[in-house]
mmCIF file of all heavy atoms, coordinates in Angstrom:
data_MODEL
# 
_entry.id   MODEL 
# 
loop_
_atom_site.group_PDB 
_atom_site.id 
_atom_site.type_symbol 
_atom_site.label_atom_id 
_atom_site.label_alt_id 
_atom_site.label_comp_id 
_atom_site.label_asym_id 
_atom_site.label_entity_id 
_atom_site.label_seq_id 
_atom_site.pdbx_PDB_ins_code 
_atom_site.Cartn_x 
_atom_site.Cartn_y 
_atom_site.Cartn_z 
_atom_site.occupancy 
_atom_site.B_iso_or_equiv 
_atom_site.pdbx_formal_charge 
_atom_site.auth_seq_id 
_atom_site.auth_comp_id 
_atom_site.auth_asym_id 
_atom_site.auth_atom_id 
_atom_site.pdbx_PDB_model_num 
ATOM 1   N N   . VAL A 1 1  ? -5.259 -11.768 -5.318  1.00 0.00 ? 1  VAL A N   1 
ATOM 2   C CA  . VAL A 1 1  ? -4.578 -10.787 -6.179  1.00 0.00 ? 1  VAL A CA  1 
ATOM 3   C C   . VAL A 1 1  ? -3.389 -10.164 -5.444  1.00 0.00 ? 1  VAL A C   1 
ATOM 4   O O   . VAL A 1 1  ? -2.321 -9.952  -6.029  1.00 0.00 ? 1  VAL A O   1 
ATOM 5   C CB  . VAL A 1 1  ? -5.565 -9.691  -6.651  1.00 0.00 ? 1  VAL A CB  1 
ATOM 6   C CG1 . VAL A 1 1  ? -4.826 -8.526  -7.306  1.00 0.00 ? 1  VAL A CG1 1 
ATOM 7   C CG2 . VAL A 1 1  ? -6.562 -10.279 -7.632  1.00 0.00 ? 1  VAL A CG2 1 
ATOM 8   N N   . LEU A 1 2  ? -3.557 -9.871  -4.151  1.00 0.00 ? 2  LEU A N   1 
ATOM 9   C CA  . LEU A 1 2  ? -2.459 -9.324  -3.360  1.00 0.00 ? 2  LEU A CA  1 
ATOM 10  C C   . LEU A 1 2  ? -1.299 -10.316 -3.294  1.00 0.00 ? 2  LEU A C   1 
ATOM 11  O O   . LEU A 1 2  ? -0.126 -9.929  -3.425  1.00 0.00 ? 2  LEU A O   1 
ATOM 12  C CB  . LEU A 1 2  ? -2.959 -9.000  -1.947  1.00 0.00 ? 2  LEU A CB  1 
ATOM 13  C CG  . LEU A 1 2  ? -1.932 -8.388  -0.985  1.00 0.00 ? 2  LEU A CG  1 
ATOM 14  C CD1 . LEU A 1 2  ? -1.394 -7.065  -1.518  1.00 0.00 ? 2  LEU A CD1 1 
ATOM 15  C CD2 . LEU A 1 2  ? -2.553 -8.192  0.392   1.00 0.00 ? 2  LEU A CD2 1 
ATOM 16  N N   . LEU A 1 3  ? -1.618 -11.585 -3.115  1.00 0.00 ? 3  LEU A N   1 
ATOM 17  C CA  . LEU A 1 3  ? -0.581 -12.625 -3.108  1.00 0.00 ? 3  LEU A CA  1 
ATOM 18  C C   . LEU A 1 3  ? 0.087  -12.714 -4.482  1.00 0.00 ? 3  LEU A C   1 
ATOM 19  O O   . LEU A 1 3  ? 1.315  -12.831 -4.583  1.00 0.00 ? 3  LEU A O   1 
ATOM 20  C CB  . LEU A 1 3  ? -1.209 -13.966 -2.714  1.00 0.00 ? 3  LEU A CB  1 
ATOM 21  C CG  . LEU A 1 3  ? -0.264 -15.164 -2.597  1.00 0.00 ? 3  LEU A CG  1 
ATOM 22  C CD1 . LEU A 1 3  ? 0.867  -14.878 -1.612  1.00 0.00 ? 3  LEU A CD1 1 
ATOM 23  C CD2 . LEU A 1 3  ? -1.043 -16.406 -2.159  1.00 0.00 ? 3  LEU A CD2 1 
ATOM 24  N N   . HIS A 1 4  ? -0.728 -12.641 -5.538  1.00 0.00 ? 4  HIS A N   1 
ATOM 25  C CA  . HIS A 1 4  ? -0.227 -12.663 -6.914  1.00 0.00 ? 4  HIS A CA  1 
ATOM 26  C C   . HIS A 1 4  ? 0.745  -11.496 -7.145  1.00 0.00 ? 4  HIS A C   1 
ATOM 27  O O   . HIS A 1 4  ? 1.842  -11.675 -7.701  1.00 0.00 ? 4  HIS A O   1 
ATOM 28  C CB  . HIS A 1 4  ? -1.428 -12.560 -7.864  1.00 0.00 ? 4  HIS A CB  1 
ATOM 29  C CG  . HIS A 1 4  ? -1.085 -12.601 -9.318  1.00 0.00 ? 4  HIS A CG  1 
ATOM 30  N ND1 . HIS A 1 4  ? -0.622 -13.732 -9.952  1.00 0.00 ? 4  HIS A ND1 1 
ATOM 31  C CD2 . HIS A 1 4  ? -1.156 -11.634 -10.273 1.00 0.00 ? 4  HIS A CD2 1 
ATOM 32  C CE1 . HIS A 1 4  ? -0.431 -13.473 -11.234 1.00 0.00 ? 4  HIS A CE1 1 
ATOM 33  N NE2 . HIS A 1 4  ? -0.740 -12.199 -11.451 1.00 0.00 ? 4  HIS A NE2 1 
ATOM 34  N N   . PHE A 1 5  ? 0.353  -10.296 -6.693  1.00 0.00 ? 5  PHE A N   1 
ATOM 35  C CA  . PHE A 1 5  ? 1.198  -9.113  -6.854  1.00 0.00 ? 5  PHE A CA  1 
ATOM 36  C C   . PHE A 1 5  ? 2.492  -9.249  -6.049  1.00 0.00 ? 5  PHE A C   1 
ATOM 37  O O   . PHE A 1 5  ? 3.586  -8.888  -6.524  1.00 0.00 ? 5  PHE A O   1 
ATOM 38  C CB  . PHE A 1 5  ? 0.421  -7.866  -6.400  1.00 0.00 ? 5  PHE A CB  1 
ATOM 39  C CG  . PHE A 1 5  ? 1.203  -6.594  -6.459  1.00 0.00 ? 5  PHE A CG  1 
ATOM 40  C CD1 . PHE A 1 5  ? 1.586  -6.044  -7.679  1.00 0.00 ? 5  PHE A CD1 1 
ATOM 41  C CD2 . PHE A 1 5  ? 1.557  -5.928  -5.283  1.00 0.00 ? 5  PHE A CD2 1 
ATOM 42  C CE1 . PHE A 1 5  ? 2.309  -4.859  -7.727  1.00 0.00 ? 5  PHE A CE1 1 
ATOM 43  C CE2 . PHE A 1 5  ? 2.276  -4.742  -5.336  1.00 0.00 ? 5  PHE A CE2 1 
ATOM 44  C CZ  . PHE A 1 5  ? 2.661  -4.212  -6.555  1.00 0.00 ? 5  PHE A CZ  1 
ATOM 45  N N   . SER A 1 6  ? 2.406  -9.777  -4.830  1.00 0.00 ? 6  SER A N   1 
ATOM 46  C CA  . SER A 1 6  ? 3.589  -9.961  -3.985  1.00 0.00 ? 6  SER A CA  1 
ATOM 47  C C   . SER A 1 6  ? 4.571  -10.937 -4.630  1.00 0.00 ? 6  SER A C   1 
ATOM 48  O O   . SER A 1 6  ? 5.797  -10.707 -4.617  1.00 0.00 ? 6  SER A O   1 
ATOM 49  C CB  . SER A 1 6  ? 3.179  -10.467 -2.596  1.00 0.00 ? 6  SER A CB  1 
ATOM 50  O OG  . SER A 1 6  ? 2.278  -9.567  -1.977  1.00 0.00 ? 6  SER A OG  1 
ATOM 51  N N   . LEU A 1 7  ? 4.043  -12.019 -5.193  1.00 0.00 ? 7  LEU A N   1 
ATOM 52  C CA  . LEU A 1 7  ? 4.897  -13.001 -5.868  1.00 0.00 ? 7  LEU A CA  1 
ATOM 53  C C   . LEU A 1 7  ? 5.544  -12.398 -7.119  1.00 0.00 ? 7  LEU A C   1 
ATOM 54  O O   . LEU A 1 7  ? 6.697  -12.714 -7.445  1.00 0.00 ? 7  LEU A O   1 
ATOM 55  C CB  . LEU A 1 7  ? 4.072  -14.232 -6.242  1.00 0.00 ? 7  LEU A CB  1 
ATOM 56  C CG  . LEU A 1 7  ? 3.631  -15.097 -5.058  1.00 0.00 ? 7  LEU A CG  1 
ATOM 57  C CD1 . LEU A 1 7  ? 2.491  -16.028 -5.467  1.00 0.00 ? 7  LEU A CD1 1 
ATOM 58  C CD2 . LEU A 1 7  ? 4.810  -15.910 -4.524  1.00 0.00 ? 7  LEU A CD2 1 
ATOM 59  N N   . TYR A 1 8  ? 4.796  -11.541 -7.789  1.00 0.00 ? 8  TYR A N   1 
ATOM 60  C CA  . TYR A 1 8  ? 5.353  -10.843 -8.960  1.00 0.00 ? 8  TYR A CA  1 
ATOM 61  C C   . TYR A 1 8  ? 6.533  -9.975  -8.543  1.00 0.00 ? 8  TYR A C   1 
ATOM 62  O O   . TYR A 1 8  ? 7.573  -9.955  -9.229  1.00 0.00 ? 8  TYR A O   1 
ATOM 63  C CB  . TYR A 1 8  ? 4.254  -10.003 -9.617  1.00 0.00 ? 8  TYR A CB  1 
ATOM 64  C CG  . TYR A 1 8  ? 4.756  -8.951  -10.576 1.00 0.00 ? 8  TYR A CG  1 
ATOM 65  C CD1 . TYR A 1 8  ? 5.315  -9.312  -11.814 1.00 0.00 ? 8  TYR A CD1 1 
ATOM 66  C CD2 . TYR A 1 8  ? 4.692  -7.604  -10.247 1.00 0.00 ? 8  TYR A CD2 1 
ATOM 67  C CE1 . TYR A 1 8  ? 5.782  -8.345  -12.683 1.00 0.00 ? 8  TYR A CE1 1 
ATOM 68  C CE2 . TYR A 1 8  ? 5.157  -6.634  -11.109 1.00 0.00 ? 8  TYR A CE2 1 
ATOM 69  C CZ  . TYR A 1 8  ? 5.698  -7.009  -12.321 1.00 0.00 ? 8  TYR A CZ  1 
ATOM 70  O OH  . TYR A 1 8  ? 6.163  -6.047  -13.184 1.00 0.00 ? 8  TYR A OH  1 
ATOM 71  N N   . LEU A 1 9  ? 6.413  -9.250  -7.422  1.00 0.00 ? 9  LEU A N   1 
ATOM 72  C CA  . LEU A 1 9  ? 7.515  -8.423  -6.929  1.00 0.00 ? 9  LEU A CA  1 
ATOM 73  C C   . LEU A 1 9  ? 8.727  -9.280  -6.560  1.00 0.00 ? 9  LEU A C   1 
ATOM 74  O O   . LEU A 1 9  ? 9.875  -8.891  -6.805  1.00 0.00 ? 9  LEU A O   1 
ATOM 75  C CB  . LEU A 1 9  ? 7.073  -7.610  -5.712  1.00 0.00 ? 9  LEU A CB  1 
ATOM 76  C CG  . LEU A 1 9  ? 6.128  -6.437  -5.968  1.00 0.00 ? 9  LEU A CG  1 
ATOM 77  C CD1 . LEU A 1 9  ? 5.765  -5.764  -4.645  1.00 0.00 ? 9  LEU A CD1 1 
ATOM 78  C CD2 . LEU A 1 9  ? 6.754  -5.417  -6.915  1.00 0.00 ? 9  LEU A CD2 1 
ATOM 79  N N   . ILE A 1 10 ? 8.452  -10.453 -5.968  1.00 0.00 ? 10 ILE A N   1 
ATOM 80  C CA  . ILE A 1 10 ? 9.552  -11.369 -5.613  1.00 0.00 ? 10 ILE A CA  1 
ATOM 81  C C   . ILE A 1 10 ? 10.258 -11.848 -6.870  1.00 0.00 ? 10 ILE A C   1 
ATOM 82  O O   . ILE A 1 10 ? 11.496 -11.865 -6.951  1.00 0.00 ? 10 ILE A O   1 
ATOM 83  C CB  . ILE A 1 10 ? 9.021  -12.558 -4.791  1.00 0.00 ? 10 ILE A CB  1 
ATOM 84  C CG1 . ILE A 1 10 ? 8.537  -12.087 -3.420  1.00 0.00 ? 10 ILE A CG1 1 
ATOM 85  C CG2 . ILE A 1 10 ? 10.100 -13.632 -4.639  1.00 0.00 ? 10 ILE A CG2 1 
ATOM 86  C CD1 . ILE A 1 10 ? 7.777  -13.133 -2.638  1.00 0.00 ? 10 ILE A CD1 1 
ATOM 87  N N   . GLU A 1 11 ? 9.460  -12.228 -7.872  1.00 0.00 ? 11 GLU A N   1 
ATOM 88  C CA  . GLU A 1 11 ? 10.045 -12.733 -9.118  1.00 0.00 ? 11 GLU A CA  1 
ATOM 89  C C   . GLU A 1 11 ? 10.846 -11.636 -9.835  1.00 0.00 ? 11 GLU A C   1 
ATOM 90  O O   . GLU A 1 11 ? 11.915 -11.898 -10.378 1.00 0.00 ? 11 GLU A O   1 
ATOM 91  C CB  . GLU A 1 11 ? 8.960  -13.261 -10.052 1.00 0.00 ? 11 GLU A CB  1 
ATOM 92  C CG  . GLU A 1 11 ? 9.546  -13.998 -11.241 1.00 0.00 ? 11 GLU A CG  1 
ATOM 93  C CD  . GLU A 1 11 ? 8.510  -14.286 -12.323 1.00 0.00 ? 11 GLU A CD  1 
ATOM 94  O OE1 . GLU A 1 11 ? 7.679  -13.423 -12.609 1.00 0.00 ? 11 GLU A OE1 1 
ATOM 95  O OE2 . GLU A 1 11 ? 8.583  -15.387 -12.895 1.00 0.00 ? 11 GLU A OE2 1 
ATOM 96  N N   . ARG A 1 12 ? 10.331 -10.412 -9.804  1.00 0.00 ? 12 ARG A N   1 
ATOM 97  C CA  . ARG A 1 12 ? 11.007 -9.297  -10.489 1.00 0.00 ? 12 ARG A CA  1 
ATOM 98  C C   . ARG A 1 12 ? 12.076 -8.647  -9.619  1.00 0.00 ? 12 ARG A C   1 
ATOM 99  O O   . ARG A 1 12 ? 12.749 -7.724  -10.043 1.00 0.00 ? 12 ARG A O   1 
ATOM 100 C CB  . ARG A 1 12 ? 9.978  -8.239  -10.917 1.00 0.00 ? 12 ARG A CB  1 
ATOM 101 C CG  . ARG A 1 12 ? 8.918  -8.748  -11.854 1.00 0.00 ? 12 ARG A CG  1 
ATOM 102 C CD  . ARG A 1 12 ? 9.496  -9.357  -13.110 1.00 0.00 ? 12 ARG A CD  1 
ATOM 103 N NE  . ARG A 1 12 ? 10.113 -8.355  -13.967 1.00 0.00 ? 12 ARG A NE  1 
ATOM 104 C CZ  . ARG A 1 12 ? 11.034 -8.618  -14.876 1.00 0.00 ? 12 ARG A CZ  1 
ATOM 105 N NH1 . ARG A 1 12 ? 11.479 -9.854  -15.021 1.00 0.00 ? 12 ARG A NH1 1 
ATOM 106 N NH2 . ARG A 1 12 ? 11.524 -7.652  -15.636 1.00 0.00 ? 12 ARG A NH2 1 
ATOM 107 N N   . LYS A 1 13 ? 12.202 -9.127  -8.386  1.00 0.00 ? 13 LYS A N   1 
ATOM 108 C CA  . LYS A 1 13 ? 13.239 -8.664  -7.449  1.00 0.00 ? 13 LYS A CA  1 
ATOM 109 C C   . LYS A 1 13 ? 13.117 -7.182  -7.091  1.00 0.00 ? 13 LYS A C   1 
ATOM 110 O O   . LYS A 1 13 ? 14.101 -6.460  -7.013  1.00 0.00 ? 13 LYS A O   1 
ATOM 111 C CB  . LYS A 1 13 ? 14.632 -8.961  -8.010  1.00 0.00 ? 13 LYS A CB  1 
ATOM 112 C CG  . LYS A 1 13 ? 14.894 -10.451 -8.197  1.00 0.00 ? 13 LYS A CG  1 
ATOM 113 C CD  . LYS A 1 13 ? 16.271 -10.698 -8.753  1.00 0.00 ? 13 LYS A CD  1 
ATOM 114 C CE  . LYS A 1 13 ? 16.579 -12.185 -8.806  1.00 0.00 ? 13 LYS A CE  1 
ATOM 115 N NZ  . LYS A 1 13 ? 15.677 -12.933 -9.690  1.00 0.00 ? 13 LYS A NZ  1 
ATOM 116 N N   . GLY A 1 14 ? 11.854 -6.741  -6.885  1.00 0.00 ? 14 GLY A N   1 
ATOM 117 C CA  . GLY A 1 14 ? 11.654 -5.405  -6.345  1.00 0.00 ? 14 GLY A CA  1 
ATOM 118 C C   . GLY A 1 14 ? 10.913 -4.437  -7.246  1.00 0.00 ? 14 GLY A C   1 
ATOM 119 O O   . GLY A 1 14 ? 10.528 -4.760  -8.367  1.00 0.00 ? 14 GLY A O   1 
ATOM 120 N N   . PHE A 1 15 ? 10.725 -3.223  -6.717  1.00 0.00 ? 15 PHE A N   1 
ATOM 121 C CA  . PHE A 1 15 ? 9.912  -2.206  -7.380  1.00 0.00 ? 15 PHE A CA  1 
ATOM 122 C C   . PHE A 1 15 ? 10.581 -1.629  -8.626  1.00 0.00 ? 15 PHE A C   1 
ATOM 123 O O   . PHE A 1 15 ? 9.906  -1.215  -9.566  1.00 0.00 ? 15 PHE A O   1 
ATOM 124 C CB  . PHE A 1 15 ? 9.584  -1.074  -6.403  1.00 0.00 ? 15 PHE A CB  1 
ATOM 125 C CG  . PHE A 1 15 ? 8.489  -1.411  -5.449  1.00 0.00 ? 15 PHE A CG  1 
ATOM 126 C CD1 . PHE A 1 15 ? 8.788  -1.841  -4.167  1.00 0.00 ? 15 PHE A CD1 1 
ATOM 127 C CD2 . PHE A 1 15 ? 7.155  -1.312  -5.822  1.00 0.00 ? 15 PHE A CD2 1 
ATOM 128 C CE1 . PHE A 1 15 ? 7.775  -2.161  -3.272  1.00 0.00 ? 15 PHE A CE1 1 
ATOM 129 C CE2 . PHE A 1 15 ? 6.143  -1.626  -4.933  1.00 0.00 ? 15 PHE A CE2 1 
ATOM 130 C CZ  . PHE A 1 15 ? 6.453  -2.058  -3.658  1.00 0.00 ? 15 PHE A CZ  1 
ATOM 131 N N   . LEU A 1 16 ? 11.924 -1.558  -8.653  1.00 0.00 ? 16 LEU A N   1 
ATOM 132 C CA  . LEU A 1 16 ? 12.601 -0.965  -9.809  1.00 0.00 ? 16 LEU A CA  1 
ATOM 133 C C   . LEU A 1 16 ? 12.339 -1.767  -11.077 1.00 0.00 ? 16 LEU A C   1 
ATOM 134 O O   . LEU A 1 16 ? 12.076 -1.203  -12.146 1.00 0.00 ? 16 LEU A O   1 
ATOM 135 C CB  . LEU A 1 16 ? 14.110 -0.855  -9.536  1.00 0.00 ? 16 LEU A CB  1 
ATOM 136 C CG  . LEU A 1 16 ? 14.528 0.186   -8.484  1.00 0.00 ? 16 LEU A CG  1 
ATOM 137 C CD1 . LEU A 1 16 ? 16.027 0.161   -8.260  1.00 0.00 ? 16 LEU A CD1 1 
ATOM 138 C CD2 . LEU A 1 16 ? 14.075 1.587   -8.914  1.00 0.00 ? 16 LEU A CD2 1 
ATOM 139 N N   . GLU A 1 17 ? 12.417 -3.095  -10.956 1.00 0.00 ? 17 GLU A N   1 
ATOM 140 C CA  . GLU A 1 17 ? 12.111 -3.957  -12.104 1.00 0.00 ? 17 GLU A CA  1 
ATOM 141 C C   . GLU A 1 17 ? 10.654 -3.805  -12.508 1.00 0.00 ? 17 GLU A C   1 
ATOM 142 O O   . GLU A 1 17 ? 10.306 -3.824  -13.688 1.00 0.00 ? 17 GLU A O   1 
ATOM 143 C CB  . GLU A 1 17 ? 12.407 -5.418  -11.756 1.00 0.00 ? 17 GLU A CB  1 
ATOM 144 C CG  . GLU A 1 17 ? 13.883 -5.739  -11.600 1.00 0.00 ? 17 GLU A CG  1 
ATOM 145 C CD  . GLU A 1 17 ? 14.620 -5.741  -12.923 1.00 0.00 ? 17 GLU A CD  1 
ATOM 146 O OE1 . GLU A 1 17 ? 13.975 -5.874  -13.959 1.00 0.00 ? 17 GLU A OE1 1 
ATOM 147 O OE2 . GLU A 1 17 ? 15.861 -5.582  -12.897 1.00 0.00 ? 17 GLU A OE2 1 
ATOM 148 N N   . MET A 1 18 ? 9.767  -3.657  -11.506 1.00 0.00 ? 18 MET A N   1 
ATOM 149 C CA  . MET A 1 18 ? 8.350  -3.492  -11.784 1.00 0.00 ? 18 MET A CA  1 
ATOM 150 C C   . MET A 1 18 ? 8.089  -2.211  -12.585 1.00 0.00 ? 18 MET A C   1 
ATOM 151 O O   . MET A 1 18 ? 7.312  -2.198  -13.535 1.00 0.00 ? 18 MET A O   1 
ATOM 152 C CB  . MET A 1 18 ? 7.554  -3.443  -10.480 1.00 0.00 ? 18 MET A CB  1 
ATOM 153 C CG  . MET A 1 18 ? 6.054  -3.322  -10.670 1.00 0.00 ? 18 MET A CG  1 
ATOM 154 S SD  . MET A 1 18 ? 5.204  -2.834  -9.156  1.00 0.00 ? 18 MET A SD  1 
ATOM 155 C CE  . MET A 1 18 ? 5.576  -1.076  -9.133  1.00 0.00 ? 18 MET A CE  1 
ATOM 156 N N   . ILE A 1 19 ? 8.771  -1.130  -12.207 1.00 0.00 ? 19 ILE A N   1 
ATOM 157 C CA  . ILE A 1 19 ? 8.619  0.140   -12.925 1.00 0.00 ? 19 ILE A CA  1 
ATOM 158 C C   . ILE A 1 19 ? 9.039  -0.021  -14.377 1.00 0.00 ? 19 ILE A C   1 
ATOM 159 O O   . ILE A 1 19 ? 8.408  0.519   -15.294 1.00 0.00 ? 19 ILE A O   1 
ATOM 160 C CB  . ILE A 1 19 ? 9.434  1.258   -12.226 1.00 0.00 ? 19 ILE A CB  1 
ATOM 161 C CG1 . ILE A 1 19 ? 8.799  1.567   -10.862 1.00 0.00 ? 19 ILE A CG1 1 
ATOM 162 C CG2 . ILE A 1 19 ? 9.488  2.523   -13.087 1.00 0.00 ? 19 ILE A CG2 1 
ATOM 163 C CD1 . ILE A 1 19 ? 9.642  2.449   -9.981  1.00 0.00 ? 19 ILE A CD1 1 
ATOM 164 N N   . GLY A 1 20 ? 10.079 -0.795  -14.595 1.00 0.00 ? 20 GLY A N   1 
ATOM 165 C CA  . GLY A 1 20 ? 10.519 -1.065  -15.971 1.00 0.00 ? 20 GLY A CA  1 
ATOM 166 C C   . GLY A 1 20 ? 9.502  -1.852  -16.776 1.00 0.00 ? 20 GLY A C   1 
ATOM 167 O O   . GLY A 1 20 ? 9.456  -1.751  -18.009 1.00 0.00 ? 20 GLY A O   1 
ATOM 168 N N   . ASP A 1 21 ? 8.659  -2.617  -16.072 1.00 0.00 ? 21 ASP A N   1 
ATOM 169 C CA  . ASP A 1 21 ? 7.642  -3.430  -16.753 1.00 0.00 ? 21 ASP A CA  1 
ATOM 170 C C   . ASP A 1 21 ? 6.394  -2.635  -17.136 1.00 0.00 ? 21 ASP A C   1 
ATOM 171 O O   . ASP A 1 21 ? 5.531  -3.145  -17.853 1.00 0.00 ? 21 ASP A O   1 
ATOM 172 C CB  . ASP A 1 21 ? 7.194  -4.595  -15.842 1.00 0.00 ? 21 ASP A CB  1 
ATOM 173 C CG  . ASP A 1 21 ? 8.224  -5.712  -15.820 1.00 0.00 ? 21 ASP A CG  1 
ATOM 174 O OD1 . ASP A 1 21 ? 9.092  -5.743  -16.709 1.00 0.00 ? 21 ASP A OD1 1 
ATOM 175 O OD2 . ASP A 1 21 ? 8.146  -6.561  -14.914 1.00 0.00 ? 21 ASP A OD2 1 
ATOM 176 N N   . LEU A 1 22 ? 6.276  -1.412  -16.641 1.00 0.00 ? 22 LEU A N   1 
ATOM 177 C CA  . LEU A 1 22 ? 5.038  -0.651  -16.845 1.00 0.00 ? 22 LEU A CA  1 
ATOM 178 C C   . LEU A 1 22 ? 4.809  -0.260  -18.307 1.00 0.00 ? 22 LEU A C   1 
ATOM 179 O O   . LEU A 1 22 ? 3.720  0.181   -18.661 1.00 0.00 ? 22 LEU A O   1 
ATOM 180 C CB  . LEU A 1 22 ? 5.026  0.597   -15.950 1.00 0.00 ? 22 LEU A CB  1 
ATOM 181 C CG  . LEU A 1 22 ? 4.907  0.326   -14.449 1.00 0.00 ? 22 LEU A CG  1 
ATOM 182 C CD1 . LEU A 1 22 ? 4.935  1.620   -13.653 1.00 0.00 ? 22 LEU A CD1 1 
ATOM 183 C CD2 . LEU A 1 22 ? 3.632  -0.461  -14.131 1.00 0.00 ? 22 LEU A CD2 1 
ATOM 184 N N   . GLY A 1 23 ? 5.833  -0.419  -19.130 1.00 0.00 ? 23 GLY A N   1 
ATOM 185 C CA  . GLY A 1 23 ? 5.652  -0.170  -20.555 1.00 0.00 ? 23 GLY A CA  1 
ATOM 186 C C   . GLY A 1 23 ? 4.915  -1.293  -21.265 1.00 0.00 ? 23 GLY A C   1 
ATOM 187 O O   . GLY A 1 23 ? 4.532  -1.147  -22.437 1.00 0.00 ? 23 GLY A O   1 
ATOM 188 N N   . ARG A 1 24 ? 4.678  -2.393  -20.552 1.00 0.00 ? 24 ARG A N   1 
ATOM 189 C CA  . ARG A 1 24 ? 3.966  -3.539  -21.144 1.00 0.00 ? 24 ARG A CA  1 
ATOM 190 C C   . ARG A 1 24 ? 2.484  -3.427  -20.781 1.00 0.00 ? 24 ARG A C   1 
ATOM 191 O O   . ARG A 1 24 ? 2.122  -3.305  -19.613 1.00 0.00 ? 24 ARG A O   1 
ATOM 192 C CB  . ARG A 1 24 ? 4.567  -4.844  -20.619 1.00 0.00 ? 24 ARG A CB  1 
ATOM 193 C CG  . ARG A 1 24 ? 6.056  -4.942  -20.898 1.00 0.00 ? 24 ARG A CG  1 
ATOM 194 C CD  . ARG A 1 24 ? 6.729  -5.972  -20.021 1.00 0.00 ? 24 ARG A CD  1 
ATOM 195 N NE  . ARG A 1 24 ? 6.554  -7.319  -20.520 1.00 0.00 ? 24 ARG A NE  1 
ATOM 196 C CZ  . ARG A 1 24 ? 7.010  -8.409  -19.895 1.00 0.00 ? 24 ARG A CZ  1 
ATOM 197 N NH1 . ARG A 1 24 ? 7.636  -8.286  -18.728 1.00 0.00 ? 24 ARG A NH1 1 
ATOM 198 N NH2 . ARG A 1 24 ? 6.820  -9.592  -20.399 1.00 0.00 ? 24 ARG A NH2 1 
ATOM 199 N N   . ILE A 1 25 ? 1.647  -3.472  -21.804 1.00 0.00 ? 25 ILE A N   1 
ATOM 200 C CA  . ILE A 1 25 ? 0.216  -3.196  -21.622 1.00 0.00 ? 25 ILE A CA  1 
ATOM 201 C C   . ILE A 1 25 ? -0.427 -4.180  -20.644 1.00 0.00 ? 25 ILE A C   1 
ATOM 202 O O   . ILE A 1 25 ? -1.237 -3.787  -19.789 1.00 0.00 ? 25 ILE A O   1 
ATOM 203 C CB  . ILE A 1 25 ? -0.535 -3.232  -22.962 1.00 0.00 ? 25 ILE A CB  1 
ATOM 204 C CG1 . ILE A 1 25 ? 0.058  -2.193  -23.922 1.00 0.00 ? 25 ILE A CG1 1 
ATOM 205 C CG2 . ILE A 1 25 ? -2.026 -2.954  -22.757 1.00 0.00 ? 25 ILE A CG2 1 
ATOM 206 C CD1 . ILE A 1 25 ? -0.054 -0.768  -23.446 1.00 0.00 ? 25 ILE A CD1 1 
ATOM 207 N N   . PHE A 1 26 ? -0.065 -5.454  -20.723 1.00 0.00 ? 26 PHE A N   1 
ATOM 208 C CA  . PHE A 1 26 ? -0.726 -6.437  -19.851 1.00 0.00 ? 26 PHE A CA  1 
ATOM 209 C C   . PHE A 1 26 ? -0.374 -6.200  -18.381 1.00 0.00 ? 26 PHE A C   1 
ATOM 210 O O   . PHE A 1 26 ? -1.190 -6.450  -17.491 1.00 0.00 ? 26 PHE A O   1 
ATOM 211 C CB  . PHE A 1 26 ? -0.406 -7.873  -20.308 1.00 0.00 ? 26 PHE A CB  1 
ATOM 212 C CG  . PHE A 1 26 ? 0.823  -8.494  -19.715 1.00 0.00 ? 26 PHE A CG  1 
ATOM 213 C CD1 . PHE A 1 26 ? 0.735  -9.270  -18.574 1.00 0.00 ? 26 PHE A CD1 1 
ATOM 214 C CD2 . PHE A 1 26 ? 2.064  -8.313  -20.315 1.00 0.00 ? 26 PHE A CD2 1 
ATOM 215 C CE1 . PHE A 1 26 ? 1.867  -9.863  -18.024 1.00 0.00 ? 26 PHE A CE1 1 
ATOM 216 C CE2 . PHE A 1 26 ? 3.197  -8.901  -19.779 1.00 0.00 ? 26 PHE A CE2 1 
ATOM 217 C CZ  . PHE A 1 26 ? 3.097  -9.678  -18.629 1.00 0.00 ? 26 PHE A CZ  1 
# 
């Protein structure tokens, strides 16, 4: 899961994009 989360951050290019994704329930 940690690897999965790290790859997600790489794909989204950082925490700012991730924060924008928090409106999505999944």
